[in-house]
Amino acid sequence: MNYDEAKDLLAGKGQSHLLRYYDELSEEEKECLLAQIAGIDFSTLEKLDGKKEGTDAVRNIEPLGALTIPEIEKNRDYYEKKGLDAIRQYKVGAILLAGGQGTRLGYDKPKGTFNIGETKELYIFECLINNLLEVVKKAGTYVPLAIMTSDINYEDTKEFMVMHDYFGYDAEYVHFFIQDMAPATDFNGKIYLADKGKIAMSPNGNGGWFTSFVNAGLLEVFAGYGVEWMNVFAVDNVLQKIADPCFVGAAIDSGKVSAAKVVSKAFPEEKVGLLCTEDGRPSIVEYYEMTDEMMYSKDENGMPLYNYGVILNYLFSLDELKRIMEDPLPVHIVEKKIPYIDDNAQTVKPTEPNGYKYELLVLDVIHLMRDCLSYEVVRDKEFAPIKSLTGVDSLETARELLKRNGVEY
């Protein structure tokens, strides 16, 4: 895209201010800005009009049961064999969502590079790779792994993994890709400039993983392996089982096109997204959307009616992913504090929300699936997220759970 093309495009979109400082830029900076403008998906920003209209549909939410721990244990050998057969045929790929920084840990580097050890080095990425290597040893086959980063931490993440020799994983099966970005705007939809030659951009949410994966050319790579199922998981849960053969086997045996690992709620008010159904399709209901009736209702056995919380470990049929991605995902418009430069080219760091970021969420991927197997896991064996240094879901609690599970740190 050249300057005149960018000028015409922005004029038609009411965003001409993005070229305000163009003449002050170096040739390299000009090229960079024009490339950013060419990459903007303006259809995303058009969703703001729908937000202003405030047309929220009534949701018909119903509870969804689960394949429970006792049921899984009863059939473990069968499920595990079926899952291992699929893994040995390279039918299972893993997607690690690792775009975040360790800011809440007081650490300004990729979260996965954070050292959680006390007596020895033990990194978050190392924990996850160790968990995946357990499956590799059982199957005798490597699982194709793609690591999604942000544009900010791509180089740091890749260099870290190379420096540590992928913690014993075969590098041939490890791929990196950058999450797509979306522009940030003020409350009127005007895109912010982060600098004279740089548009304020942010990652497009955890639901953007598949389009980012496709745009990076990795769909063809994974199809070349023979992958039919994608196991998607987040970086912060150091105990989670990845490409878990029992989970894979149960999902395949169920005949469903997706599956989600869940835990029973610890208490009715626990702040966890619950796997339910909405109009007959799987749906995740956030804790703040729960009514008191939903929160405290019990079934005929005295168990909570809405009981199973997701831990962001999902299995998706690749064919079903390709089907649902033929249409754009819903865009979630979220109020945020967005640093920007003002009309005097001075940097402003707001203390209150001053605009919107535009995000895609994995919960919408779940809701577009035809069905979903709810697969219960033992919380203390598979759920140790590290969100902060202390308190609930912290470094402290994760260390205690690692110790209980025989992991030295």
Protein backbone atom coordinates (compact mmCIF):
# COMPACT_ATOMS: atom_id res chain seq x y z
CA MET A 1 0.00 0.00 0.00
CA ASN A 2 1.36 3.44 -0.92
CA TYR A 3 0.62 6.78 0.73
CA ASP A 4 -2.18 7.82 -1.64
CA GLU A 5 -3.95 4.47 -1.24
CA ALA A 6 -3.69 4.71 2.54
CA LYS A 7 -4.94 8.29 2.49
CA ASP A 8 -8.01 7.36 0.43
CA LEU A 9 -8.75 4.29 2.56
CA LEU A 10 -8.51 6.18 5.85
CA ALA A 11 -10.57 9.10 4.57
CA GLY A 12 -13.37 6.68 3.73
CA LYS A 13 -13.16 5.12 7.21
CA GLY A 14 -12.95 8.40 9.15
CA GLN A 15 -9.41 7.57 10.34
CA SER A 16 -7.32 10.16 8.45
CA HIS A 17 -5.62 11.23 11.70
CA LEU A 18 -3.42 8.13 11.51
CA LEU A 19 -1.33 9.94 8.86
CA ARG A 20 -1.07 13.15 10.90
CA TYR A 21 2.68 12.78 11.49
CA TYR A 22 3.56 10.99 8.25
CA ASP A 23 5.84 13.72 6.91
CA GLU A 24 7.90 13.64 10.11
CA LEU A 25 8.76 9.96 9.77
CA SER A 26 11.84 8.31 8.29
CA GLU A 27 11.38 6.26 5.13
CA GLU A 28 11.51 3.06 7.16
CA GLU A 29 8.93 4.37 9.63
CA LYS A 30 6.67 5.42 6.76
CA GLU A 31 6.79 1.92 5.26
CA CYS A 32 6.04 0.41 8.67
CA LEU A 33 3.03 2.68 9.23
CA LEU A 34 1.61 1.98 5.77
CA ALA A 35 2.00 -1.75 6.37
CA GLN A 36 0.11 -1.43 9.66
CA ILE A 37 -2.70 0.46 7.95
CA ALA A 38 -2.90 -2.17 5.20
CA GLY A 39 -3.26 -4.87 7.86
CA ILE A 40 -6.20 -3.31 9.71
CA ASP A 41 -9.44 -5.29 9.56
CA PHE A 42 -11.88 -2.39 9.59
CA SER A 43 -14.85 -4.78 9.72
CA THR A 44 -13.88 -5.47 13.35
CA LEU A 45 -14.31 -1.79 14.24
CA GLU A 46 -17.76 -1.75 12.67
CA LYS A 47 -18.91 -4.01 15.52
CA LEU A 48 -18.84 -0.91 17.73
CA ASP A 49 -22.14 0.23 16.23
CA GLY A 50 -23.77 -2.95 17.48
CA LYS A 51 -22.39 -2.32 20.96
CA LYS A 52 -23.89 1.16 21.00
CA GLU A 53 -27.29 -0.26 20.10
CA GLY A 54 -27.09 -2.53 23.16
CA THR A 55 -29.09 -5.39 21.66
CA ASP A 56 -28.37 -8.27 24.06
CA ALA A 57 -30.45 -11.37 23.34
CA VAL A 58 -31.98 -13.40 26.15
CA ARG A 59 -29.90 -16.53 26.71
CA ASN A 60 -31.54 -19.90 27.28
CA ILE A 61 -28.99 -21.54 29.61
CA GLU A 62 -29.27 -25.14 30.82
CA PRO A 63 -26.87 -27.26 32.92
CA LEU A 64 -24.54 -29.73 31.23
CA GLY A 65 -23.40 -32.86 32.99
CA ALA A 66 -20.00 -34.46 32.58
CA LEU A 67 -18.21 -37.70 32.02
CA THR A 68 -17.33 -38.01 35.69
CA ILE A 69 -14.08 -39.12 37.30
CA PRO A 70 -15.51 -42.53 38.40
CA GLU A 71 -16.85 -43.16 34.87
CA ILE A 72 -13.49 -42.25 33.37
CA GLU A 73 -11.58 -44.50 35.76
CA LYS A 74 -13.89 -47.40 34.98
CA ASN A 75 -13.01 -47.11 31.28
CA ARG A 76 -9.50 -45.66 31.54
CA ASP A 77 -7.66 -48.51 29.82
CA TYR A 78 -10.09 -48.45 26.89
CA TYR A 79 -9.98 -44.66 26.48
CA GLU A 80 -6.21 -44.51 26.85
CA LYS A 81 -5.62 -47.17 24.21
CA LYS A 82 -7.90 -45.37 21.78
CA GLY A 83 -6.14 -42.08 22.48
CA LEU A 84 -2.64 -43.53 22.15
CA ASP A 85 -3.61 -45.09 18.80
CA ALA A 86 -4.63 -41.65 17.56
CA ILE A 87 -1.46 -40.00 18.89
CA ARG A 88 0.76 -42.64 17.26
CA GLN A 89 -0.89 -41.81 13.94
CA TYR A 90 -0.13 -38.07 14.48
CA LYS A 91 -3.84 -37.32 14.66
CA VAL A 92 -3.40 -35.02 17.69
CA GLY A 93 -1.70 -31.62 17.66
CA ALA A 94 -1.16 -29.29 20.62
CA ILE A 95 -1.56 -25.50 20.69
CA LEU A 96 0.03 -23.60 23.57
CA LEU A 97 -1.44 -20.12 24.09
CA ALA A 98 1.60 -18.21 25.40
CA GLY A 99 1.15 -14.60 24.33
CA GLY A 100 1.10 -13.10 27.82
CA GLN A 101 3.82 -11.39 29.79
CA GLY A 102 4.46 -12.12 33.48
CA THR A 103 3.36 -8.64 34.55
CA ARG A 104 1.23 -9.79 37.50
CA LEU A 105 4.22 -11.80 38.70
CA GLY A 106 6.40 -8.68 38.69
CA TYR A 107 8.20 -10.10 35.66
CA ASP A 108 8.46 -8.22 32.37
CA LYS A 109 9.16 -11.18 30.10
CA PRO A 110 7.08 -13.99 28.55
CA LYS A 111 5.12 -15.69 31.30
CA GLY A 112 6.28 -19.12 30.20
CA THR A 113 9.91 -18.16 30.89
CA PHE A 114 9.18 -17.45 34.57
CA ASN A 115 11.22 -19.56 37.00
CA ILE A 116 8.95 -21.08 39.65
CA GLY A 117 11.71 -23.10 41.31
CA GLU A 118 13.05 -22.61 44.82
CA THR A 119 15.91 -25.12 45.12
CA LYS A 120 16.50 -25.45 41.37
CA GLU A 121 15.44 -23.82 38.11
CA LEU A 122 11.98 -24.89 36.95
CA TYR A 123 10.32 -22.75 34.32
CA ILE A 124 6.63 -22.69 33.41
CA PHE A 125 7.45 -23.77 29.85
CA GLU A 126 9.58 -26.57 31.29
CA CYS A 127 6.66 -27.86 33.38
CA LEU A 128 4.41 -27.99 30.33
CA ILE A 129 7.01 -29.68 28.12
CA ASN A 130 7.68 -32.25 30.87
CA ASN A 131 3.96 -33.01 31.00
CA LEU A 132 3.84 -33.46 27.23
CA LEU A 133 6.97 -35.63 27.24
CA GLU A 134 5.16 -38.11 29.50
CA VAL A 135 2.75 -38.70 26.63
CA VAL A 136 5.60 -38.93 24.12
CA LYS A 137 7.21 -41.67 26.21
CA LYS A 138 3.94 -43.61 26.42
CA ALA A 139 3.13 -43.27 22.73
CA GLY A 140 6.67 -43.53 21.38
CA THR A 141 5.72 -40.63 19.11
CA TYR A 142 6.12 -36.87 19.30
CA VAL A 143 3.03 -34.66 19.29
CA PRO A 144 3.19 -31.67 16.88
CA LEU A 145 3.25 -28.54 19.06
CA ALA A 146 2.54 -24.95 18.03
CA ILE A 147 3.29 -22.12 20.45
CA MET A 148 1.30 -18.90 19.98
CA THR A 149 3.12 -15.77 21.10
CA SER A 150 2.40 -12.07 20.88
CA ASP A 151 4.42 -9.85 18.56
CA ILE A 152 6.08 -8.47 21.71
CA ASN A 153 7.33 -11.77 23.11
CA TYR A 154 7.87 -13.84 19.93
CA GLU A 155 11.65 -13.43 19.77
CA ASP A 156 12.13 -13.81 23.54
CA THR A 157 10.02 -16.99 23.60
CA LYS A 158 11.76 -18.57 20.64
CA GLU A 159 15.25 -17.68 21.91
CA PHE A 160 14.40 -19.05 25.36
CA MET A 161 13.24 -22.38 23.98
CA VAL A 162 16.31 -22.70 21.75
CA MET A 163 18.62 -21.75 24.63
CA HIS A 164 17.12 -24.54 26.76
CA ASP A 165 17.13 -27.02 23.87
CA TYR A 166 13.32 -27.18 24.01
CA PHE A 167 13.64 -28.93 27.40
CA GLY A 168 14.27 -32.22 25.63
CA TYR A 169 11.46 -31.96 23.08
CA ASP A 170 12.32 -32.64 19.43
CA ALA A 171 12.54 -29.18 17.80
CA GLU A 172 11.35 -30.64 14.50
CA TYR A 173 7.86 -30.89 16.02
CA VAL A 174 7.78 -27.39 17.55
CA HIS A 175 6.41 -24.40 15.63
CA PHE A 176 5.94 -20.78 16.66
CA PHE A 177 3.38 -18.28 15.42
CA ILE A 178 2.32 -14.76 16.33
CA GLN A 179 -1.19 -13.91 17.44
CA ASP A 180 -3.04 -11.53 15.13
CA MET A 181 -3.48 -7.98 16.39
CA ALA A 182 -6.43 -5.59 16.40
CA PRO A 183 -6.32 -1.78 16.68
CA ALA A 184 -7.43 -0.03 19.87
CA THR A 185 -9.84 2.90 19.63
CA ASP A 186 -11.34 5.67 21.69
CA PHE A 187 -14.99 5.42 22.71
CA ASN A 188 -16.03 6.88 19.35
CA GLY A 189 -14.16 4.31 17.30
CA LYS A 190 -11.18 6.49 16.39
CA ILE A 191 -8.00 4.41 16.26
CA TYR A 192 -5.28 5.53 18.67
CA LEU A 193 -1.69 6.18 17.69
CA ALA A 194 0.85 4.73 20.12
CA ASP A 195 3.59 6.82 18.50
CA LYS A 196 3.91 9.03 15.43
CA GLY A 197 4.49 6.03 13.20
CA LYS A 198 2.86 3.29 15.22
CA ILE A 199 -0.78 2.36 15.62
CA ALA A 200 -1.98 1.25 19.07
CA MET A 201 -2.55 -2.48 18.61
CA SER A 202 -3.32 -5.33 20.99
CA PRO A 203 -3.64 -9.14 20.67
CA ASN A 204 -7.07 -10.13 19.39
CA GLY A 205 -8.02 -12.41 22.30
CA ASN A 206 -7.59 -16.14 23.00
CA GLY A 207 -10.33 -16.95 20.48
CA GLY A 208 -8.09 -15.62 17.72
CA TRP A 209 -5.69 -18.56 17.99
CA PHE A 210 -7.08 -20.52 15.03
CA THR A 211 -7.17 -17.69 12.50
CA SER A 212 -3.67 -16.68 13.65
CA PHE A 213 -2.56 -20.31 13.24
CA VAL A 214 -4.02 -20.42 9.73
CA ASN A 215 -2.57 -17.03 8.75
CA ALA A 216 0.87 -18.26 9.84
CA GLY A 217 0.61 -21.13 7.34
CA LEU A 218 0.55 -23.81 10.04
CA LEU A 219 -2.75 -25.39 9.01
CA GLU A 220 -0.99 -26.95 6.03
CA VAL A 221 1.92 -28.04 8.23
CA PHE A 222 -0.34 -29.80 10.73
CA ALA A 223 -2.45 -31.31 7.97
CA GLY A 224 0.81 -32.70 6.58
CA TYR A 225 1.38 -34.55 9.84
CA GLY A 226 -2.16 -35.97 9.61
CA VAL A 227 -3.57 -33.98 12.55
CA GLU A 228 -7.35 -34.34 13.07
CA TRP A 229 -7.65 -33.03 16.64
CA MET A 230 -6.27 -29.86 18.20
CA ASN A 231 -5.62 -29.74 21.96
CA VAL A 232 -5.63 -26.06 22.99
CA PHE A 233 -4.32 -25.04 26.40
CA ALA A 234 -3.10 -21.96 28.28
CA VAL A 235 0.42 -21.31 29.51
CA ASP A 236 -0.29 -20.69 33.18
CA ASN A 237 -1.56 -24.10 34.37
CA VAL A 238 1.63 -25.99 35.25
CA LEU A 239 -0.12 -29.28 36.17
CA GLN A 240 -2.27 -29.74 33.11
CA LYS A 241 -2.01 -32.85 31.00
CA ILE A 242 -1.49 -32.10 27.32
CA ALA A 243 -2.55 -34.46 24.53
CA ASP A 244 -3.80 -36.63 27.40
CA PRO A 245 -4.46 -40.05 25.79
CA CYS A 246 -7.43 -40.78 28.06
CA PHE A 247 -9.01 -37.41 27.24
CA VAL A 248 -8.38 -37.90 23.52
CA GLY A 249 -9.77 -41.43 23.57
CA ALA A 250 -12.91 -40.42 25.46
CA ALA A 251 -13.54 -37.54 23.03
CA ILE A 252 -13.16 -39.80 20.00
CA ASP A 253 -15.32 -42.49 21.59
CA SER A 254 -18.07 -39.96 22.38
CA GLY A 255 -18.53 -39.09 18.71
CA LYS A 256 -18.57 -35.40 19.63
CA VAL A 257 -16.62 -32.73 17.76
CA SER A 258 -15.10 -31.06 20.83
CA ALA A 259 -14.25 -31.75 24.45
CA ALA A 260 -13.38 -29.65 27.48
CA LYS A 261 -11.60 -30.58 30.68
CA VAL A 262 -13.62 -29.41 33.68
CA VAL A 263 -13.41 -29.48 37.47
CA SER A 264 -16.26 -29.62 39.96
CA LYS A 265 -16.79 -26.26 41.64
CA ALA A 266 -15.03 -25.94 44.99
CA PHE A 267 -17.93 -23.86 46.34
CA PRO A 268 -21.06 -22.27 44.79
CA GLU A 269 -19.58 -18.77 44.42
CA GLU A 270 -16.27 -19.86 42.88
CA LYS A 271 -15.15 -17.49 40.13
CA VAL A 272 -14.91 -19.96 37.29
CA GLY A 273 -16.58 -20.16 33.87
CA LEU A 274 -19.09 -23.03 33.77
CA LEU A 275 -19.66 -25.37 30.84
CA CYS A 276 -23.41 -25.40 30.11
CA THR A 277 -25.67 -25.49 27.08
CA GLU A 278 -27.26 -22.49 25.42
CA ASP A 279 -30.09 -23.14 22.97
CA GLY A 280 -28.90 -26.74 22.73
CA ARG A 281 -25.26 -25.92 21.98
CA PRO A 282 -22.29 -25.98 24.37
CA SER A 283 -21.69 -22.65 26.06
CA ILE A 284 -19.48 -21.21 28.77
CA VAL A 285 -21.25 -19.04 31.33
CA GLU A 286 -18.97 -16.68 33.24
CA TYR A 287 -19.30 -16.61 37.02
CA TYR A 288 -20.64 -13.03 36.99
CA GLU A 289 -23.46 -14.12 34.66
CA MET A 290 -24.73 -16.70 37.15
CA THR A 291 -27.99 -15.94 38.92
CA ASP A 292 -28.45 -16.99 42.56
CA GLU A 293 -30.82 -19.71 41.38
CA MET A 294 -28.17 -21.13 39.03
CA MET A 295 -25.47 -20.80 41.65
CA TYR A 296 -27.26 -22.67 44.44
CA SER A 297 -29.57 -25.11 42.61
CA LYS A 298 -28.96 -28.81 43.22
CA ASP A 299 -29.88 -31.96 41.30
CA GLU A 300 -31.73 -35.01 42.66
CA ASN A 301 -28.50 -36.30 44.23
CA GLY A 302 -27.81 -33.06 46.08
CA MET A 303 -25.00 -32.06 43.70
CA PRO A 304 -24.82 -28.52 42.26
CA LEU A 305 -26.89 -28.37 39.09
CA TYR A 306 -24.39 -26.02 37.45
CA ASN A 307 -21.22 -27.69 38.61
CA TYR A 308 -18.45 -27.99 36.02
CA GLY A 309 -15.91 -25.22 35.54
CA VAL A 310 -13.58 -25.05 32.53
CA ILE A 311 -9.79 -24.93 32.96
CA LEU A 312 -8.91 -23.82 29.39
CA ASN A 313 -7.89 -27.20 28.08
CA TYR A 314 -9.94 -28.03 25.00
CA LEU A 315 -9.94 -30.58 22.22
CA PHE A 316 -11.37 -29.56 18.85
CA SER A 317 -12.00 -31.51 15.66
CA LEU A 318 -9.92 -29.80 12.97
CA ASP A 319 -12.66 -30.33 10.39
CA GLU A 320 -15.18 -28.67 12.70
CA LEU A 321 -12.82 -25.76 13.34
CA LYS A 322 -12.49 -25.18 9.60
CA ARG A 323 -16.27 -25.30 9.24
CA ILE A 324 -17.09 -22.78 11.93
CA MET A 325 -14.31 -20.42 10.89
CA GLU A 326 -15.90 -19.91 7.48
CA ASP A 327 -17.77 -17.07 9.22
CA PRO A 328 -16.18 -14.47 11.54
CA LEU A 329 -16.31 -15.05 15.28
CA PRO A 330 -18.26 -12.59 17.45
CA VAL A 331 -16.14 -9.62 18.51
CA HIS A 332 -16.09 -8.67 22.20
CA ILE A 333 -15.56 -4.96 22.78
CA VAL A 334 -13.84 -4.35 26.09
CA GLU A 335 -13.13 -1.07 27.89
CA LYS A 336 -9.40 -0.69 28.60
CA LYS A 337 -6.74 1.84 29.57
CA ILE A 338 -4.91 2.51 26.32
CA PRO A 339 -1.67 4.55 26.17
CA TYR A 340 -1.60 6.92 23.19
CA ILE A 341 -0.13 10.14 21.85
CA ASP A 342 -2.27 13.26 21.88
CA ASP A 343 -2.57 16.11 19.36
CA ASN A 344 0.73 17.50 20.62
CA ALA A 345 2.50 14.14 20.15
CA GLN A 346 2.77 13.75 23.91
CA THR A 347 2.41 10.25 25.39
CA VAL A 348 -0.64 9.83 27.61
CA LYS A 349 -0.93 6.92 30.06
CA PRO A 350 -4.54 6.97 31.28
CA THR A 351 -5.48 5.92 34.81
CA GLU A 352 -9.07 5.11 33.78
CA PRO A 353 -10.44 3.26 30.73
CA ASN A 354 -10.30 5.58 27.73
CA GLY A 355 -11.31 3.31 24.88
CA TYR A 356 -11.92 -0.14 23.50
CA LYS A 357 -9.97 -3.24 22.57
CA TYR A 358 -11.55 -5.75 20.21
CA GLU A 359 -11.18 -9.41 21.20
CA LEU A 360 -12.20 -12.87 20.06
CA LEU A 361 -12.81 -15.40 22.85
CA VAL A 362 -12.36 -19.16 22.89
CA LEU A 363 -15.75 -19.49 24.60
CA ASP A 364 -17.32 -18.47 21.28
CA VAL A 365 -15.41 -21.25 19.54
CA ILE A 366 -16.98 -23.66 22.03
CA HIS A 367 -20.47 -22.26 21.44
CA LEU A 368 -20.18 -22.68 17.66
CA MET A 369 -19.33 -26.36 18.05
CA ARG A 370 -22.20 -28.79 17.45
CA ASP A 371 -21.54 -30.53 20.75
CA CYS A 372 -18.91 -30.89 23.45
CA LEU A 373 -17.85 -33.66 25.82
CA SER A 374 -17.54 -32.34 29.37
CA TYR A 375 -14.65 -34.35 30.85
CA GLU A 376 -14.10 -34.11 34.62
CA VAL A 377 -10.56 -34.15 36.02
CA VAL A 378 -9.19 -34.22 39.56
CA ARG A 379 -8.56 -30.59 40.46
CA ASP A 380 -5.50 -31.19 42.62
CA LYS A 381 -3.85 -33.26 39.88
CA GLU A 382 -4.54 -31.10 36.83
CA PHE A 383 -5.32 -27.54 37.85
CA ALA A 384 -2.54 -25.33 39.20
CA PRO A 385 -2.79 -21.97 37.43
CA ILE A 386 -0.31 -19.21 38.26
CA LYS A 387 -2.09 -15.84 37.99
CA SER A 388 -0.18 -13.90 40.65
CA LEU A 389 2.54 -14.30 43.29
CA THR A 390 0.24 -14.87 46.28
CA GLY A 391 -3.40 -15.69 47.06
CA VAL A 392 -5.82 -17.78 45.00
CA ASP A 393 -4.37 -19.39 41.85
CA SER A 394 -0.90 -18.09 42.61
CA LEU A 395 2.74 -19.15 42.61
CA GLU A 396 2.25 -20.18 46.26
CA THR A 397 -0.71 -22.47 45.56
CA ALA A 398 0.88 -23.93 42.41
CA ARG A 399 4.06 -24.82 44.28
CA GLU A 400 2.04 -26.64 46.94
CA LEU A 401 0.16 -28.61 44.27
CA LEU A 402 3.37 -29.45 42.42
CA LYS A 403 4.80 -30.82 45.69
CA ARG A 404 1.70 -32.97 46.25
CA ASN A 405 2.15 -34.41 42.78
CA GLY A 406 5.80 -35.30 43.28
CA VAL A 407 7.29 -32.49 41.19
CA GLU A 408 10.56 -31.16 42.62
CA TYR A 409 11.18 -27.44 42.45
